[in-house]
């Protein structure tokens, strides 16, 4: 299998980094998973990701760097499409070409937050994407496990996304961009 062996994660928070790290390292067997520094708790996490995305995409496109890039930002009170448009606008501002269909760059955008997915897969099937749910401070790894398993199934096409979580289905399609 011709796989890029390093995955780089650019994300907003610890929960997302834990979820994506488990998915890439333990389930997809990337040899190296680099989690870029998280925002220092000051300012907006989505702004932090938007500001760094153009530079990270430039690095990923360097032929000497054999890596894939996974970018996470919560949709919060916006739609997934709006968040993706904001990321595209950040590229345009920095004069970075838009993502191309074959590029190993996945945009993971939960609506409202990653915690919505986690609560659903931890036996709360009535979760909606329009409400906020509690964080899992100190229990990020435990909380991520069922969602990681669900993502593997969704990405591999062996299960369907829950109707109440359309953003996880879209994120699974994004993760299929990775080798």
C-alpha atoms as a PDB file:
ATOM      1  CA  UNK A   1       0.000   0.000   0.000  1.00  0.00           C
ATOM      2  CA  UNK A   2       1.397   3.392  -0.975  1.00  0.00           C
ATOM      3  CA  UNK A   3       0.574   5.280   2.214  1.00  0.00           C
ATOM      4  CA  UNK A   4       1.932   8.536   3.423  1.00  0.00           C
ATOM      5  CA  UNK A   5       3.185   7.563   6.848  1.00  0.00           C
ATOM      6  CA  UNK A   6       2.815  10.880   8.685  1.00  0.00           C
ATOM      7  CA  UNK A   7      -0.450  12.576   9.556  1.00  0.00           C
ATOM      8  CA  UNK A   8      -0.608  16.159  10.790  1.00  0.00           C
ATOM      9  CA  UNK A   9      -3.601  17.319  12.862  1.00  0.00           C
ATOM     10  CA  UNK A  10      -4.576  20.982  13.075  1.00  0.00           C
ATOM     11  CA  UNK A  11      -7.483  21.389  15.467  1.00  0.00           C
ATOM     12  CA  UNK A  12      -9.267  23.584  17.979  1.00  0.00           C
ATOM     13  CA  UNK A  13      -9.199  21.583  21.179  1.00  0.00           C
ATOM     14  CA  UNK A  14      -7.986  18.596  23.168  1.00  0.00           C
ATOM     15  CA  UNK A  15     -11.095  16.481  22.583  1.00  0.00           C
ATOM     16  CA  UNK A  16     -10.791  16.758  18.812  1.00  0.00           C
ATOM     17  CA  UNK A  17      -7.054  16.080  18.917  1.00  0.00           C
ATOM     18  CA  UNK A  18      -7.641  12.967  21.044  1.00  0.00           C
ATOM     19  CA  UNK A  19     -10.363  11.657  18.719  1.00  0.00           C
ATOM     20  CA  UNK A  20      -8.348  12.260  15.554  1.00  0.00           C
ATOM     21  CA  UNK A  21      -5.108  10.941  17.061  1.00  0.00           C
ATOM     22  CA  UNK A  22      -6.811   7.670  18.072  1.00  0.00           C
ATOM     23  CA  UNK A  23      -8.394   7.358  14.634  1.00  0.00           C
ATOM     24  CA  UNK A  24      -5.189   8.022  12.670  1.00  0.00           C
ATOM     25  CA  UNK A  25      -2.619   6.276  14.880  1.00  0.00           C
ATOM     26  CA  UNK A  26      -4.503   3.274  16.229  1.00  0.00           C
ATOM     27  CA  UNK A  27      -7.114   2.587  13.550  1.00  0.00           C
ATOM     28  CA  UNK A  28      -5.464   3.820  10.336  1.00  0.00           C
ATOM     29  CA  UNK A  29      -1.933   2.892  11.432  1.00  0.00           C
ATOM     30  CA  UNK A  30      -0.122   6.073  10.495  1.00  0.00           C
ATOM     31  CA  UNK A  31       3.409   5.636  11.776  1.00  0.00           C
ATOM     32  CA  UNK A  32       3.695   9.247  12.940  1.00  0.00           C
ATOM     33  CA  UNK A  33       0.815  11.472  14.022  1.00  0.00           C
ATOM     34  CA  UNK A  34       1.748  15.041  14.780  1.00  0.00           C
ATOM     35  CA  UNK A  35      -0.774  17.116  16.714  1.00  0.00           C
ATOM     36  CA  UNK A  36       0.047  20.764  16.183  1.00  0.00           C
ATOM     37  CA  UNK A  37      -0.037  22.960  19.277  1.00  0.00           C
ATOM     38  CA  UNK A  38      -3.542  23.698  20.465  1.00  0.00           C
ATOM     39  CA  UNK A  39      -4.803  27.232  21.036  1.00  0.00           C
ATOM     40  CA  UNK A  40      -3.716  28.494  24.436  1.00  0.00           C
ATOM     41  CA  UNK A  41      -7.294  28.966  25.647  1.00  0.00           C
ATOM     42  CA  UNK A  42      -7.328  32.571  24.542  1.00  0.00           C
ATOM     43  CA  UNK A  43      -9.478  33.694  21.651  1.00  0.00           C
ATOM     44  CA  UNK A  44     -11.542  31.658  19.267  1.00  0.00           C
ATOM     45  CA  UNK A  45     -10.510  28.109  18.349  1.00  0.00           C
ATOM     46  CA  UNK A  46     -11.967  28.350  14.850  1.00  0.00           C
ATOM     47  CA  UNK A  47      -9.993  31.551  14.228  1.00  0.00           C
ATOM     48  CA  UNK A  48      -6.828  29.794  15.403  1.00  0.00           C
ATOM     49  CA  UNK A  49      -7.424  27.012  12.847  1.00  0.00           C
ATOM     50  CA  UNK A  50      -8.312  29.444  10.027  1.00  0.00           C
ATOM     51  CA  UNK A  51      -5.139  31.457  10.611  1.00  0.00           C
ATOM     52  CA  UNK A  52      -2.871  28.387  10.513  1.00  0.00           C
ATOM     53  CA  UNK A  53      -4.598  26.405   7.759  1.00  0.00           C
ATOM     54  CA  UNK A  54      -2.958  28.175   4.771  1.00  0.00           C
ATOM     55  CA  UNK A  55       0.563  27.657   6.134  1.00  0.00           C
ATOM     56  CA  UNK A  56      -0.073  24.016   6.997  1.00  0.00           C
ATOM     57  CA  UNK A  57      -1.543  23.352   3.553  1.00  0.00           C
ATOM     58  CA  UNK A  58       1.556  24.907   1.954  1.00  0.00           C
ATOM     59  CA  UNK A  59       3.744  22.576   4.039  1.00  0.00           C
ATOM     60  CA  UNK A  60       1.641  19.542   3.151  1.00  0.00           C
ATOM     61  CA  UNK A  61       2.019  20.346  -0.553  1.00  0.00           C
ATOM     62  CA  UNK A  62       5.820  20.348  -0.303  1.00  0.00           C
ATOM     63  CA  UNK A  63       6.871  17.175  -2.156  1.00  0.00           C
ATOM     64  CA  UNK A  64       9.658  16.602   0.381  1.00  0.00           C
ATOM     65  CA  UNK A  65       7.040  16.275   3.135  1.00  0.00           C
ATOM     66  CA  UNK A  66       5.240  12.932   2.899  1.00  0.00           C
ATOM     67  CA  UNK A  67       2.225  13.707   5.039  1.00  0.00           C
ATOM     68  CA  UNK A  68      -1.512  14.065   5.114  1.00  0.00           C
ATOM     69  CA  UNK A  69      -3.320  16.931   6.808  1.00  0.00           C
ATOM     70  CA  UNK A  70      -6.459  16.660   8.927  1.00  0.00           C
ATOM     71  CA  UNK A  71      -8.050  19.969   9.872  1.00  0.00           C
ATOM     72  CA  UNK A  72     -10.711  20.133  12.572  1.00  0.00           C
ATOM     73  CA  UNK A  73     -12.926  23.067  13.402  1.00  0.00           C
ATOM     74  CA  UNK A  74     -16.282  23.006  15.159  1.00  0.00           C
ATOM     75  CA  UNK A  75     -19.171  24.537  13.246  1.00  0.00           C
ATOM     76  CA  UNK A  76     -20.557  25.996  16.497  1.00  0.00           C
ATOM     77  CA  UNK A  77     -23.589  28.129  15.634  1.00  0.00           C
ATOM     78  CA  UNK A  78     -22.762  28.071  11.906  1.00  0.00           C
ATOM     79  CA  UNK A  79     -23.309  25.377   9.317  1.00  0.00           C
ATOM     80  CA  UNK A  80     -20.635  22.952   8.169  1.00  0.00           C
ATOM     81  CA  UNK A  81     -20.706  24.592   4.728  1.00  0.00           C
ATOM     82  CA  UNK A  82     -20.145  28.035   6.263  1.00  0.00           C
ATOM     83  CA  UNK A  83     -17.125  26.805   8.242  1.00  0.00           C
ATOM     84  CA  UNK A  84     -15.651  25.183   5.127  1.00  0.00           C
ATOM     85  CA  UNK A  85     -16.207  28.427   3.232  1.00  0.00           C
ATOM     86  CA  UNK A  86     -14.345  30.316   5.967  1.00  0.00           C
ATOM     87  CA  UNK A  87     -11.409  27.922   5.562  1.00  0.00           C
ATOM     88  CA  UNK A  88     -11.479  28.432   1.777  1.00  0.00           C
ATOM     89  CA  UNK A  89     -11.555  32.213   2.291  1.00  0.00           C
ATOM     90  CA  UNK A  90      -8.505  31.956   4.569  1.00  0.00           C
ATOM     91  CA  UNK A  91      -6.644  30.210   1.739  1.00  0.00           C
ATOM     92  CA  UNK A  92      -7.683  32.918  -0.730  1.00  0.00           C
ATOM     93  CA  UNK A  93      -6.532  35.703   1.633  1.00  0.00           C
ATOM     94  CA  UNK A  94      -3.100  34.101   1.847  1.00  0.00           C
ATOM     95  CA  UNK A  95      -3.039  33.391  -1.911  1.00  0.00           C
ATOM     96  CA  UNK A  96      -2.952  29.637  -1.391  1.00  0.00           C
ATOM     97  CA  UNK A  97      -4.674  27.555  -4.065  1.00  0.00           C
ATOM     98  CA  UNK A  98      -7.881  25.794  -2.940  1.00  0.00           C
ATOM     99  CA  UNK A  99      -7.818  22.124  -1.997  1.00  0.00           C
ATOM    100  CA  UNK A 100      -7.790  19.869  -5.009  1.00  0.00           C
ATOM    101  CA  UNK A 101      -9.924  16.703  -5.214  1.00  0.00           C
ATOM    102  CA  UNK A 102      -6.993  14.294  -4.948  1.00  0.00           C
ATOM    103  CA  UNK A 103      -5.151  16.054  -2.151  1.00  0.00           C
ATOM    104  CA  UNK A 104      -4.856  14.138   1.142  1.00  0.00           C
ATOM    105  CA  UNK A 105      -6.371  16.988   3.142  1.00  0.00           C
ATOM    106  CA  UNK A 106      -9.507  16.263   5.192  1.00  0.00           C
ATOM    107  CA  UNK A 107     -11.729  18.877   6.809  1.00  0.00           C
ATOM    108  CA  UNK A 108     -13.504  17.485   9.875  1.00  0.00           C
ATOM    109  CA  UNK A 109     -16.286  19.855  10.922  1.00  0.00           C
ATOM    110  CA  UNK A 110     -18.667  18.633  13.641  1.00  0.00           C
ATOM    111  CA  UNK A 111     -21.888  20.544  14.103  1.00  0.00           C
ATOM    112  CA  UNK A 112     -22.175  21.941  16.958  1.00  0.00           C
ATOM    113  CA  UNK A 113     -19.029  20.442  18.523  1.00  0.00           C
ATOM    114  CA  UNK A 114     -17.160  17.138  18.631  1.00  0.00           C
ATOM    115  CA  UNK A 115     -18.929  16.418  21.923  1.00  0.00           C
ATOM    116  CA  UNK A 116     -22.215  15.987  20.040  1.00  0.00           C
ATOM    117  CA  UNK A 117     -20.770  12.978  18.256  1.00  0.00           C
ATOM    118  CA  UNK A 118     -19.267  11.599  21.455  1.00  0.00           C
ATOM    119  CA  UNK A 119     -22.493  11.861  23.431  1.00  0.00           C
ATOM    120  CA  UNK A 120     -24.418  10.121  20.639  1.00  0.00           C
ATOM    121  CA  UNK A 121     -22.035   7.169  20.510  1.00  0.00           C
ATOM    122  CA  UNK A 122     -21.949   6.949  24.314  1.00  0.00           C
ATOM    123  CA  UNK A 123     -25.621   5.852  24.329  1.00  0.00           C
ATOM    124  CA  UNK A 124     -27.377   9.190  23.971  1.00  0.00           C
ATOM    125  CA  UNK A 125     -29.049   8.635  20.586  1.00  0.00           C
ATOM    126  CA  UNK A 126     -31.368  11.641  20.991  1.00  0.00           C
ATOM    127  CA  UNK A 127     -28.459  14.082  20.580  1.00  0.00           C
ATOM    128  CA  UNK A 128     -29.057  16.840  18.059  1.00  0.00           C
ATOM    129  CA  UNK A 129     -26.506  18.911  16.202  1.00  0.00           C
ATOM    130  CA  UNK A 130     -28.174  22.176  17.184  1.00  0.00           C
ATOM    131  CA  UNK A 131     -27.469  21.910  20.932  1.00  0.00           C
ATOM    132  CA  UNK A 132     -24.334  22.003  23.052  1.00  0.00           C
ATOM    133  CA  UNK A 133     -23.413  19.045  25.231  1.00  0.00           C
ATOM    134  CA  UNK A 134     -21.004  18.818  28.191  1.00  0.00           C
ATOM    135  CA  UNK A 135     -17.253  18.435  27.668  1.00  0.00           C
ATOM    136  CA  UNK A 136     -15.330  15.357  28.818  1.00  0.00           C
ATOM    137  CA  UNK A 137     -12.528  17.149  30.662  1.00  0.00           C
ATOM    138  CA  UNK A 138      -9.983  14.624  31.839  1.00  0.00           C
ATOM    139  CA  UNK A 139     -11.806  11.774  30.090  1.00  0.00           C
ATOM    140  CA  UNK A 140     -11.131  12.668  26.463  1.00  0.00           C
ATOM    141  CA  UNK A 141      -9.605   9.297  25.524  1.00  0.00           C
ATOM    142  CA  UNK A 142     -12.366   7.196  27.084  1.00  0.00           C
ATOM    143  CA  UNK A 143     -15.060   9.369  25.538  1.00  0.00           C
ATOM    144  CA  UNK A 144     -13.490   9.189  22.069  1.00  0.00           C
ATOM    145  CA  UNK A 145     -13.298   5.391  21.718  1.00  0.00           C
ATOM    146  CA  UNK A 146     -16.881   4.660  20.551  1.00  0.00           C
ATOM    147  CA  UNK A 147     -16.815   7.566  18.109  1.00  0.00           C
ATOM    148  CA  UNK A 148     -13.481   6.410  16.678  1.00  0.00           C
ATOM    149  CA  UNK A 149     -15.016   2.975  16.064  1.00  0.00           C
ATOM    150  CA  UNK A 150     -18.035   4.612  14.404  1.00  0.00           C
ATOM    151  CA  UNK A 151     -15.788   6.749  12.190  1.00  0.00           C
ATOM    152  CA  UNK A 152     -13.878   3.672  11.028  1.00  0.00           C
ATOM    153  CA  UNK A 153     -17.172   2.024  10.046  1.00  0.00           C
ATOM    154  CA  UNK A 154     -18.425   5.140   8.291  1.00  0.00           C
ATOM    155  CA  UNK A 155     -15.196   5.765   6.400  1.00  0.00           C
ATOM    156  CA  UNK A 156     -14.991   2.112   5.347  1.00  0.00           C
ATOM    157  CA  UNK A 157     -18.629   2.213   4.214  1.00  0.00           C
ATOM    158  CA  UNK A 158     -19.736  -0.630   6.470  1.00  0.00           C
ATOM    159  CA  UNK A 159     -22.327   1.494   8.304  1.00  0.00           C
ATOM    160  CA  UNK A 160     -24.499   4.540   7.735  1.00  0.00           C
ATOM    161  CA  UNK A 161     -24.362   7.769   9.675  1.00  0.00           C
ATOM    162  CA  UNK A 162     -27.122   8.420  12.179  1.00  0.00           C
ATOM    163  CA  UNK A 163     -29.774  10.719  10.699  1.00  0.00           C
ATOM    164  CA  UNK A 164     -29.337  13.149  13.605  1.00  0.00           C
ATOM    165  CA  UNK A 165     -25.596  13.618  12.872  1.00  0.00           C
ATOM    166  CA  UNK A 166     -25.207  14.628   9.216  1.00  0.00           C
ATOM    167  CA  UNK A 167     -21.888  16.324   9.965  1.00  0.00           C
ATOM    168  CA  UNK A 168     -20.241  13.013  10.884  1.00  0.00           C
ATOM    169  CA  UNK A 169     -21.261  11.583   7.513  1.00  0.00           C
ATOM    170  CA  UNK A 170     -19.673  14.547   5.742  1.00  0.00           C
ATOM    171  CA  UNK A 171     -16.540  14.211   7.876  1.00  0.00           C
ATOM    172  CA  UNK A 172     -16.328  10.495   7.001  1.00  0.00           C
ATOM    173  CA  UNK A 173     -16.406  11.435   3.317  1.00  0.00           C
ATOM    174  CA  UNK A 174     -13.582  13.898   3.988  1.00  0.00           C
ATOM    175  CA  UNK A 175     -11.517  11.257   5.782  1.00  0.00           C
ATOM    176  CA  UNK A 176     -11.790   9.038   2.692  1.00  0.00           C
ATOM    177  CA  UNK A 177      -9.447  11.536   1.015  1.00  0.00           C
ATOM    178  CA  UNK A 178      -6.589  10.096   3.071  1.00  0.00           C
ATOM    179  CA  UNK A 179      -4.529   7.197   1.753  1.00  0.00           C
END
